[in-house]
Amino acid sequence: SGVAGLSGMDAANRAPDLLGNEDLLMARPLLTVSR
């Protein structure tokens, strides 16, 4: 992958194609916490 793929997951993003909802924000508040 290029730069976009190596960016990994963002802390928050909208993904209308994936979620079918343009107004929905998907957030990952545990992204800095280890398993």
PDB file of all heavy atoms in Angstrom:
ATOM      1  N   SER A   1       0.824  -1.210   0.000  1.00  0.00           N
ATOM      2  CA  SER A   1       0.000   0.000   0.000  1.00  0.00           C
ATOM      3  C   SER A   1       0.859   1.262   0.000  1.00  0.00           C
ATOM      4  O   SER A   1       2.032   1.245   0.394  1.00  0.00           O
ATOM      5  CB  SER A   1      -0.915   0.013   1.231  1.00  0.00           C
ATOM      6  OG  SER A   1      -1.785  -1.093   1.224  1.00  0.00           O
ATOM      7  N   GLY A   2       0.238   2.360  -0.410  1.00  0.00           N
ATOM      8  CA  GLY A   2       0.907   3.650  -0.404  1.00  0.00           C
ATOM      9  C   GLY A   2       0.724   4.371   0.919  1.00  0.00           C
ATOM     10  O   GLY A   2       0.372   3.761   1.941  1.00  0.00           O
ATOM     11  N   VAL A   3       0.916   5.673   0.876  1.00  0.00           N
ATOM     12  CA  VAL A   3       0.856   6.483   2.093  1.00  0.00           C
ATOM     13  C   VAL A   3      -0.507   6.386   2.767  1.00  0.00           C
ATOM     14  O   VAL A   3      -0.597   6.273   3.993  1.00  0.00           O
ATOM     15  CB  VAL A   3       1.183   7.957   1.776  1.00  0.00           C
ATOM     16  CG1 VAL A   3       1.017   8.835   3.018  1.00  0.00           C
ATOM     17  CG2 VAL A   3       2.604   8.075   1.247  1.00  0.00           C
ATOM     18  N   ALA A   4      -1.572   6.388   1.981  1.00  0.00           N
ATOM     19  CA  ALA A   4      -2.917   6.324   2.560  1.00  0.00           C
ATOM     20  C   ALA A   4      -3.112   5.038   3.355  1.00  0.00           C
ATOM     21  O   ALA A   4      -3.650   5.051   4.471  1.00  0.00           O
ATOM     22  CB  ALA A   4      -3.970   6.427   1.459  1.00  0.00           C
ATOM     23  N   GLY A   5      -2.663   3.906   2.800  1.00  0.00           N
ATOM     24  CA  GLY A   5      -2.806   2.638   3.508  1.00  0.00           C
ATOM     25  C   GLY A   5      -1.951   2.575   4.750  1.00  0.00           C
ATOM     26  O   GLY A   5      -2.375   2.065   5.797  1.00  0.00           O
ATOM     27  N   LEU A   6      -0.727   3.118   4.678  1.00  0.00           N
ATOM     28  CA  LEU A   6       0.181   3.081   5.818  1.00  0.00           C
ATOM     29  C   LEU A   6      -0.212   4.078   6.897  1.00  0.00           C
ATOM     30  O   LEU A   6       0.399   4.093   7.960  1.00  0.00           O
ATOM     31  CB  LEU A   6       1.615   3.349   5.345  1.00  0.00           C
ATOM     32  CG  LEU A   6       2.184   2.304   4.369  1.00  0.00           C
ATOM     33  CD1 LEU A   6       3.583   2.687   3.935  1.00  0.00           C
ATOM     34  CD2 LEU A   6       2.171   0.922   4.986  1.00  0.00           C
ATOM     35  N   SER A   7      -1.215   4.896   6.621  1.00  0.00           N
ATOM     36  CA  SER A   7      -1.721   5.821   7.637  1.00  0.00           C
ATOM     37  C   SER A   7      -2.485   5.084   8.726  1.00  0.00           C
ATOM     38  O   SER A   7      -2.758   5.646   9.788  1.00  0.00           O
ATOM     39  CB  SER A   7      -2.640   6.873   6.998  1.00  0.00           C
ATOM     40  OG  SER A   7      -1.928   7.658   6.065  1.00  0.00           O
ATOM     41  N   GLY A   8      -2.859   3.847   8.440  1.00  0.00           N
ATOM     42  CA  GLY A   8      -3.602   3.078   9.428  1.00  0.00           C
ATOM     43  C   GLY A   8      -4.995   3.642   9.649  1.00  0.00           C
ATOM     44  O   GLY A   8      -5.586   4.282   8.776  1.00  0.00           O
ATOM     45  N   MET A   9      -5.507   3.417  10.838  1.00  0.00           N
ATOM     46  CA  MET A   9      -6.845   3.891  11.196  1.00  0.00           C
ATOM     47  C   MET A   9      -6.766   5.262  11.851  1.00  0.00           C
ATOM     48  O   MET A   9      -5.911   5.504  12.690  1.00  0.00           O
ATOM     49  CB  MET A   9      -7.521   2.892  12.141  1.00  0.00           C
ATOM     50  CG  MET A   9      -7.798   1.545  11.527  1.00  0.00           C
ATOM     51  SD  MET A   9      -8.537   0.369  12.708  1.00  0.00           S
ATOM     52  CE  MET A   9      -7.099  -0.089  13.679  1.00  0.00           C
ATOM     53  N   ASP A  10      -7.667   6.125  11.483  1.00  0.00           N
ATOM     54  CA  ASP A  10      -7.759   7.447  12.097  1.00  0.00           C
ATOM     55  C   ASP A  10      -8.564   7.337  13.387  1.00  0.00           C
ATOM     56  O   ASP A  10      -9.348   6.411  13.569  1.00  0.00           O
ATOM     57  CB  ASP A  10      -8.441   8.420  11.130  1.00  0.00           C
ATOM     58  CG  ASP A  10      -8.207   9.870  11.520  1.00  0.00           C
ATOM     59  OD1 ASP A  10      -7.582  10.112  12.563  1.00  0.00           O
ATOM     60  OD2 ASP A  10      -8.683  10.752  10.791  1.00  0.00           O
ATOM     61  N   ALA A  11      -8.364   8.307  14.291  1.00  0.00           N
ATOM     62  CA  ALA A  11      -9.121   8.299  15.547  1.00  0.00           C
ATOM     63  C   ALA A  11     -10.608   8.454  15.287  1.00  0.00           C
ATOM     64  O   ALA A  11     -11.436   7.961  16.067  1.00  0.00           O
ATOM     65  CB  ALA A  11      -8.621   9.412  16.465  1.00  0.00           C
ATOM     66  N   ALA A  12     -10.962   9.114  14.182  1.00  0.00           N
ATOM     67  CA  ALA A  12     -12.372   9.298  13.833  1.00  0.00           C
ATOM     68  C   ALA A  12     -12.481   9.586  12.351  1.00  0.00           C
ATOM     69  O   ALA A  12     -11.635  10.276  11.777  1.00  0.00           O
ATOM     70  CB  ALA A  12     -12.988  10.437  14.638  1.00  0.00           C
ATOM     71  N   ASN A  13     -13.496   9.055  11.726  1.00  0.00           N
ATOM     72  CA  ASN A  13     -13.725   9.328  10.307  1.00  0.00           C
ATOM     73  C   ASN A  13     -15.160   8.988   9.934  1.00  0.00           C
ATOM     74  O   ASN A  13     -15.846   8.261  10.669  1.00  0.00           O
ATOM     75  CB  ASN A  13     -12.762   8.520   9.437  1.00  0.00           C
ATOM     76  CG  ASN A  13     -13.032   7.025   9.492  1.00  0.00           C
ATOM     77  OD1 ASN A  13     -12.720   6.377  10.487  1.00  0.00           O
ATOM     78  ND2 ASN A  13     -13.612   6.480   8.431  1.00  0.00           N
ATOM     79  N   ARG A  14     -15.583   9.528   8.825  1.00  0.00           N
ATOM     80  CA  ARG A  14     -16.893   9.186   8.267  1.00  0.00           C
ATOM     81  C   ARG A  14     -16.658   8.228   7.110  1.00  0.00           C
ATOM     82  O   ARG A  14     -15.724   8.404   6.332  1.00  0.00           O
ATOM     83  CB  ARG A  14     -17.634  10.431   7.790  1.00  0.00           C
ATOM     84  CG  ARG A  14     -17.899  11.428   8.907  1.00  0.00           C
ATOM     85  CD  ARG A  14     -18.801  12.567   8.455  1.00  0.00           C
ATOM     86  NE  ARG A  14     -18.824  13.641   9.435  1.00  0.00           N
ATOM     87  CZ  ARG A  14     -19.572  13.638  10.526  1.00  0.00           C
ATOM     88  NH1 ARG A  14     -20.368  12.615  10.772  1.00  0.00           N
ATOM     89  NH2 ARG A  14     -19.538  14.651  11.379  1.00  0.00           N
ATOM     90  N   ALA A  15     -17.496   7.225   7.006  1.00  0.00           N
ATOM     91  CA  ALA A  15     -17.365   6.229   5.943  1.00  0.00           C
ATOM     92  C   ALA A  15     -18.746   5.895   5.396  1.00  0.00           C
ATOM     93  O   ALA A  15     -19.285   4.815   5.642  1.00  0.00           O
ATOM     94  CB  ALA A  15     -16.676   4.979   6.478  1.00  0.00           C
ATOM     95  N   PRO A  16     -19.365   6.834   4.663  1.00  0.00           N
ATOM     96  CA  PRO A  16     -20.738   6.622   4.178  1.00  0.00           C
ATOM     97  C   PRO A  16     -20.887   5.401   3.280  1.00  0.00           C
ATOM     98  O   PRO A  16     -21.930   4.731   3.300  1.00  0.00           O
ATOM     99  CB  PRO A  16     -21.053   7.921   3.425  1.00  0.00           C
ATOM    100  CG  PRO A  16     -19.725   8.542   3.139  1.00  0.00           C
ATOM    101  CD  PRO A  16     -18.838   8.149   4.267  1.00  0.00           C
ATOM    102  N   ASP A  17     -19.863   5.075   2.487  1.00  0.00           N
ATOM    103  CA  ASP A  17     -19.951   3.899   1.614  1.00  0.00           C
ATOM    104  C   ASP A  17     -19.985   2.614   2.438  1.00  0.00           C
ATOM    105  O   ASP A  17     -20.635   1.636   2.058  1.00  0.00           O
ATOM    106  CB  ASP A  17     -18.763   3.861   0.653  1.00  0.00           C
ATOM    107  CG  ASP A  17     -18.808   4.998  -0.358  1.00  0.00           C
ATOM    108  OD1 ASP A  17     -19.910   5.505  -0.605  1.00  0.00           O
ATOM    109  OD2 ASP A  17     -17.749   5.374  -0.883  1.00  0.00           O
ATOM    110  N   LEU A  18     -19.281   2.623   3.559  1.00  0.00           N
ATOM    111  CA  LEU A  18     -19.211   1.439   4.414  1.00  0.00           C
ATOM    112  C   LEU A  18     -20.407   1.340   5.345  1.00  0.00           C
ATOM    113  O   LEU A  18     -20.989   0.271   5.537  1.00  0.00           O
ATOM    114  CB  LEU A  18     -17.922   1.489   5.233  1.00  0.00           C
ATOM    115  CG  LEU A  18     -17.526   0.239   6.024  1.00  0.00           C
ATOM    116  CD1 LEU A  18     -17.247  -0.929   5.089  1.00  0.00           C
ATOM    117  CD2 LEU A  18     -16.295   0.542   6.884  1.00  0.00           C
ATOM    118  N   LEU A  19     -20.799   2.489   5.915  1.00  0.00           N
ATOM    119  CA  LEU A  19     -21.860   2.512   6.921  1.00  0.00           C
ATOM    120  C   LEU A  19     -23.230   2.858   6.348  1.00  0.00           C
ATOM    121  O   LEU A  19     -24.244   2.697   7.030  1.00  0.00           O
ATOM    122  CB  LEU A  19     -21.505   3.517   8.023  1.00  0.00           C
ATOM    123  CG  LEU A  19     -20.245   3.177   8.842  1.00  0.00           C
ATOM    124  CD1 LEU A  19     -19.767   4.410   9.603  1.00  0.00           C
ATOM    125  CD2 LEU A  19     -20.517   2.040   9.801  1.00  0.00           C
ATOM    126  N   GLY A  20     -23.253   3.379   5.110  1.00  0.00           N
ATOM    127  CA  GLY A  20     -24.528   3.755   4.507  1.00  0.00           C
ATOM    128  C   GLY A  20     -25.177   4.942   5.177  1.00  0.00           C
ATOM    129  O   GLY A  20     -26.397   5.087   5.159  1.00  0.00           O
ATOM    130  N   ASN A  21     -24.365   5.806   5.784  1.00  0.00           N
ATOM    131  CA  ASN A  21     -24.898   6.923   6.564  1.00  0.00           C
ATOM    132  C   ASN A  21     -23.899   8.068   6.509  1.00  0.00           C
ATOM    133  O   ASN A  21     -22.812   7.991   7.094  1.00  0.00           O
ATOM    134  CB  ASN A  21     -25.131   6.465   8.010  1.00  0.00           C
ATOM    135  CG  ASN A  21     -25.855   7.500   8.851  1.00  0.00           C
ATOM    136  OD1 ASN A  21     -25.861   8.692   8.535  1.00  0.00           O
ATOM    137  ND2 ASN A  21     -26.454   7.062   9.937  1.00  0.00           N
ATOM    138  N   GLU A  22     -24.252   9.141   5.822  1.00  0.00           N
ATOM    139  CA  GLU A  22     -23.336  10.265   5.646  1.00  0.00           C
ATOM    140  C   GLU A  22     -23.123  11.073   6.924  1.00  0.00           C
ATOM    141  O   GLU A  22     -22.104  11.746   7.091  1.00  0.00           O
ATOM    142  CB  GLU A  22     -23.847  11.196   4.544  1.00  0.00           C
ATOM    143  CG  GLU A  22     -23.841  10.572   3.154  1.00  0.00           C
ATOM    144  CD  GLU A  22     -24.264  11.550   2.079  1.00  0.00           C
ATOM    145  OE1 GLU A  22     -24.664  12.682   2.441  1.00  0.00           O
ATOM    146  OE2 GLU A  22     -24.200  11.190   0.893  1.00  0.00           O
ATOM    147  N   ASP A  23     -24.087  11.030   7.840  1.00  0.00           N
ATOM    148  CA  ASP A  23     -24.000  11.847   9.050  1.00  0.00           C
ATOM    149  C   ASP A  23     -23.323  11.130  10.208  1.00  0.00           C
ATOM    150  O   ASP A  23     -23.092  11.720  11.265  1.00  0.00           O
ATOM    151  CB  ASP A  23     -25.408  12.278   9.495  1.00  0.00           C
ATOM    152  CG  ASP A  23     -26.096  13.134   8.448  1.00  0.00           C
ATOM    153  OD1 ASP A  23     -25.406  13.939   7.812  1.00  0.00           O
ATOM    154  OD2 ASP A  23     -27.323  12.988   8.256  1.00  0.00           O
ATOM    155  N   LEU A  24     -22.998   9.862  10.040  1.00  0.00           N
ATOM    156  CA  LEU A  24     -22.461   9.061  11.134  1.00  0.00           C
ATOM    157  C   LEU A  24     -20.950   9.176  11.213  1.00  0.00           C
ATOM    158  O   LEU A  24     -20.243   8.987  10.232  1.00  0.00           O
ATOM    159  CB  LEU A  24     -22.866   7.595  10.946  1.00  0.00           C
ATOM    160  CG  LEU A  24     -22.387   6.599  12.007  1.00  0.00           C
ATOM    161  CD1 LEU A  24     -22.914   6.988  13.387  1.00  0.00           C
ATOM    162  CD2 LEU A  24     -22.829   5.192  11.638  1.00  0.00           C
ATOM    163  N   LEU A  25     -20.451   9.474  12.424  1.00  0.00           N
ATOM    164  CA  LEU A  25     -19.019   9.524  12.685  1.00  0.00           C
ATOM    165  C   LEU A  25     -18.613   8.253  13.421  1.00  0.00           C
ATOM    166  O   LEU A  25     -19.211   7.900  14.441  1.00  0.00           O
ATOM    167  CB  LEU A  25     -18.664  10.744  13.535  1.00  0.00           C
ATOM    168  CG  LEU A  25     -17.163  10.894  13.866  1.00  0.00           C
ATOM    169  CD1 LEU A  25     -16.422  11.404  12.638  1.00  0.00           C
ATOM    170  CD2 LEU A  25     -16.951  11.850  15.031  1.00  0.00           C
ATOM    171  N   MET A  26     -17.606   7.566  12.904  1.00  0.00           N
ATOM    172  CA  MET A  26     -17.088   6.371  13.562  1.00  0.00           C
ATOM    173  C   MET A  26     -15.804   6.749  14.284  1.00  0.00           C
ATOM    174  O   MET A  26     -14.855   7.259  13.675  1.00  0.00           O
ATOM    175  CB  MET A  26     -16.834   5.268  12.531  1.00  0.00           C
ATOM    176  CG  MET A  26     -16.360   3.969  13.130  1.00  0.00           C
ATOM    177  SD  MET A  26     -16.544   2.563  11.982  1.00  0.00           S
ATOM    178  CE  MET A  26     -15.674   3.169  10.530  1.00  0.00           C
ATOM    179  N   ALA A  27     -15.751   6.506  15.602  1.00  0.00           N
ATOM    180  CA  ALA A  27     -14.615   6.942  16.418  1.00  0.00           C
ATOM    181  C   ALA A  27     -13.973   5.755  17.123  1.00  0.00           C
ATOM    182  O   ALA A  27     -14.643   4.773  17.465  1.00  0.00           O
ATOM    183  CB  ALA A  27     -15.070   7.985  17.429  1.00  0.00           C
ATOM    184  N   ARG A  28     -12.666   5.875  17.367  1.00  0.00           N
ATOM    185  CA  ARG A  28     -11.873   4.810  17.997  1.00  0.00           C
ATOM    186  C   ARG A  28     -11.112   5.389  19.185  1.00  0.00           C
ATOM    187  O   ARG A  28      -9.903   5.645  19.083  1.00  0.00           O
ATOM    188  CB  ARG A  28     -10.923   4.209  16.962  1.00  0.00           C
ATOM    189  CG  ARG A  28     -11.631   3.741  15.693  1.00  0.00           C
ATOM    190  CD  ARG A  28     -10.654   3.364  14.594  1.00  0.00           C
ATOM    191  NE  ARG A  28     -11.349   3.010  13.358  1.00  0.00           N
ATOM    192  CZ  ARG A  28     -11.739   3.881  12.442  1.00  0.00           C
ATOM    193  NH1 ARG A  28     -11.480   5.184  12.612  1.00  0.00           N
ATOM    194  NH2 ARG A  28     -12.375   3.492  11.365  1.00  0.00           N
ATOM    195  N   PRO A  29     -11.759   5.579  20.326  1.00  0.00           N
ATOM    196  CA  PRO A  29     -11.114   6.240  21.472  1.00  0.00           C
ATOM    197  C   PRO A  29     -10.062   5.389  22.181  1.00  0.00           C
ATOM    198  O   PRO A  29      -9.350   5.903  23.053  1.00  0.00           O
ATOM    199  CB  PRO A  29     -12.298   6.526  22.407  1.00  0.00           C
ATOM    200  CG  PRO A  29     -13.330   5.517  22.047  1.00  0.00           C
ATOM    201  CD  PRO A  29     -13.179   5.296  20.577  1.00  0.00           C
ATOM    202  N   LEU A  30      -9.918   4.107  21.835  1.00  0.00           N
ATOM    203  CA  LEU A  30      -8.923   3.243  22.485  1.00  0.00           C
ATOM    204  C   LEU A  30      -7.711   2.988  21.599  1.00  0.00           C
ATOM    205  O   LEU A  30      -6.926   2.078  21.857  1.00  0.00           O
ATOM    206  CB  LEU A  30      -9.566   1.899  22.868  1.00  0.00           C
ATOM    207  CG  LEU A  30     -10.748   1.951  23.830  1.00  0.00           C
ATOM    208  CD1 LEU A  30     -11.278   0.548  24.098  1.00  0.00           C
ATOM    209  CD2 LEU A  30     -10.353   2.631  25.135  1.00  0.00           C
ATOM    210  N   LEU A  31      -7.533   3.798  20.576  1.00  0.00           N
ATOM    211  CA  LEU A  31      -6.499   3.531  19.584  1.00  0.00           C
ATOM    212  C   LEU A  31      -5.084   3.620  20.160  1.00  0.00           C
ATOM    213  O   LEU A  31      -4.146   3.074  19.585  1.00  0.00           O
ATOM    214  CB  LEU A  31      -6.655   4.502  18.407  1.00  0.00           C
ATOM    215  CG  LEU A  31      -6.239   4.008  17.019  1.00  0.00           C
ATOM    216  CD1 LEU A  31      -6.842   2.656  16.695  1.00  0.00           C
ATOM    217  CD2 LEU A  31      -6.608   5.033  15.965  1.00  0.00           C
ATOM    218  N   THR A  32      -4.904   4.305  21.295  1.00  0.00           N
ATOM    219  CA  THR A  32      -3.572   4.421  21.913  1.00  0.00           C
ATOM    220  C   THR A  32      -3.389   3.437  23.071  1.00  0.00           C
ATOM    221  O   THR A  32      -2.359   3.465  23.747  1.00  0.00           O
ATOM    222  CB  THR A  32      -3.341   5.850  22.429  1.00  0.00           C
ATOM    223  OG1 THR A  32      -4.330   6.158  23.422  1.00  0.00           O
ATOM    224  CG2 THR A  32      -3.432   6.861  21.295  1.00  0.00           C
ATOM    225  N   VAL A  33      -4.373   2.569  23.284  1.00  0.00           N
ATOM    226  CA  VAL A  33      -4.325   1.618  24.396  1.00  0.00           C
ATOM    227  C   VAL A  33      -3.968   0.234  23.860  1.00  0.00           C
ATOM    228  O   VAL A  33      -4.532  -0.214  22.858  1.00  0.00           O
ATOM    229  CB  VAL A  33      -5.687   1.558  25.124  1.00  0.00           C
ATOM    230  CG1 VAL A  33      -5.632   0.568  26.287  1.00  0.00           C
ATOM    231  CG2 VAL A  33      -6.092   2.940  25.615  1.00  0.00           C
ATOM    232  N   SER A  34      -3.031  -0.457  24.527  1.00  0.00           N
ATOM    233  CA  SER A  34      -2.618  -1.785  24.074  1.00  0.00           C
ATOM    234  C   SER A  34      -3.602  -2.859  24.536  1.00  0.00           C
ATOM    235  O   SER A  34      -4.365  -2.654  25.492  1.00  0.00           O
ATOM    236  CB  SER A  34      -1.221  -2.122  24.604  1.00  0.00           C
ATOM    237  OG  SER A  34      -1.272  -2.324  26.010  1.00  0.00           O
ATOM    238  N   ARG A  35      -3.549  -3.999  23.866  1.00  0.00           N
ATOM    239  CA  ARG A  35      -4.426  -5.102  24.260  1.00  0.00           C
ATOM    240  C   ARG A  35      -4.086  -5.586  25.668  1.00  0.00           C
ATOM    241  O   ARG A  35      -4.979  -5.947  26.448  1.00  0.00           O
ATOM    242  CB  ARG A  35      -4.306  -6.251  23.261  1.00  0.00           C
ATOM    243  CG  ARG A  35      -5.198  -7.442  23.623  1.00  0.00           C
ATOM    244  CD  ARG A  35      -5.158  -8.550  22.593  1.00  0.00           C
ATOM    245  NE  ARG A  35      -5.961  -9.697  23.017  1.00  0.00           N
ATOM    246  CZ  ARG A  35      -7.275  -9.792  22.873  1.00  0.00           C
ATOM    247  NH1 ARG A  35      -7.940  -8.806  22.292  1.00  0.00           N
ATOM    248  NH2 ARG A  35      -7.928 -10.864  23.293  1.00  0.00           N
TER     249      ARG A  35
END
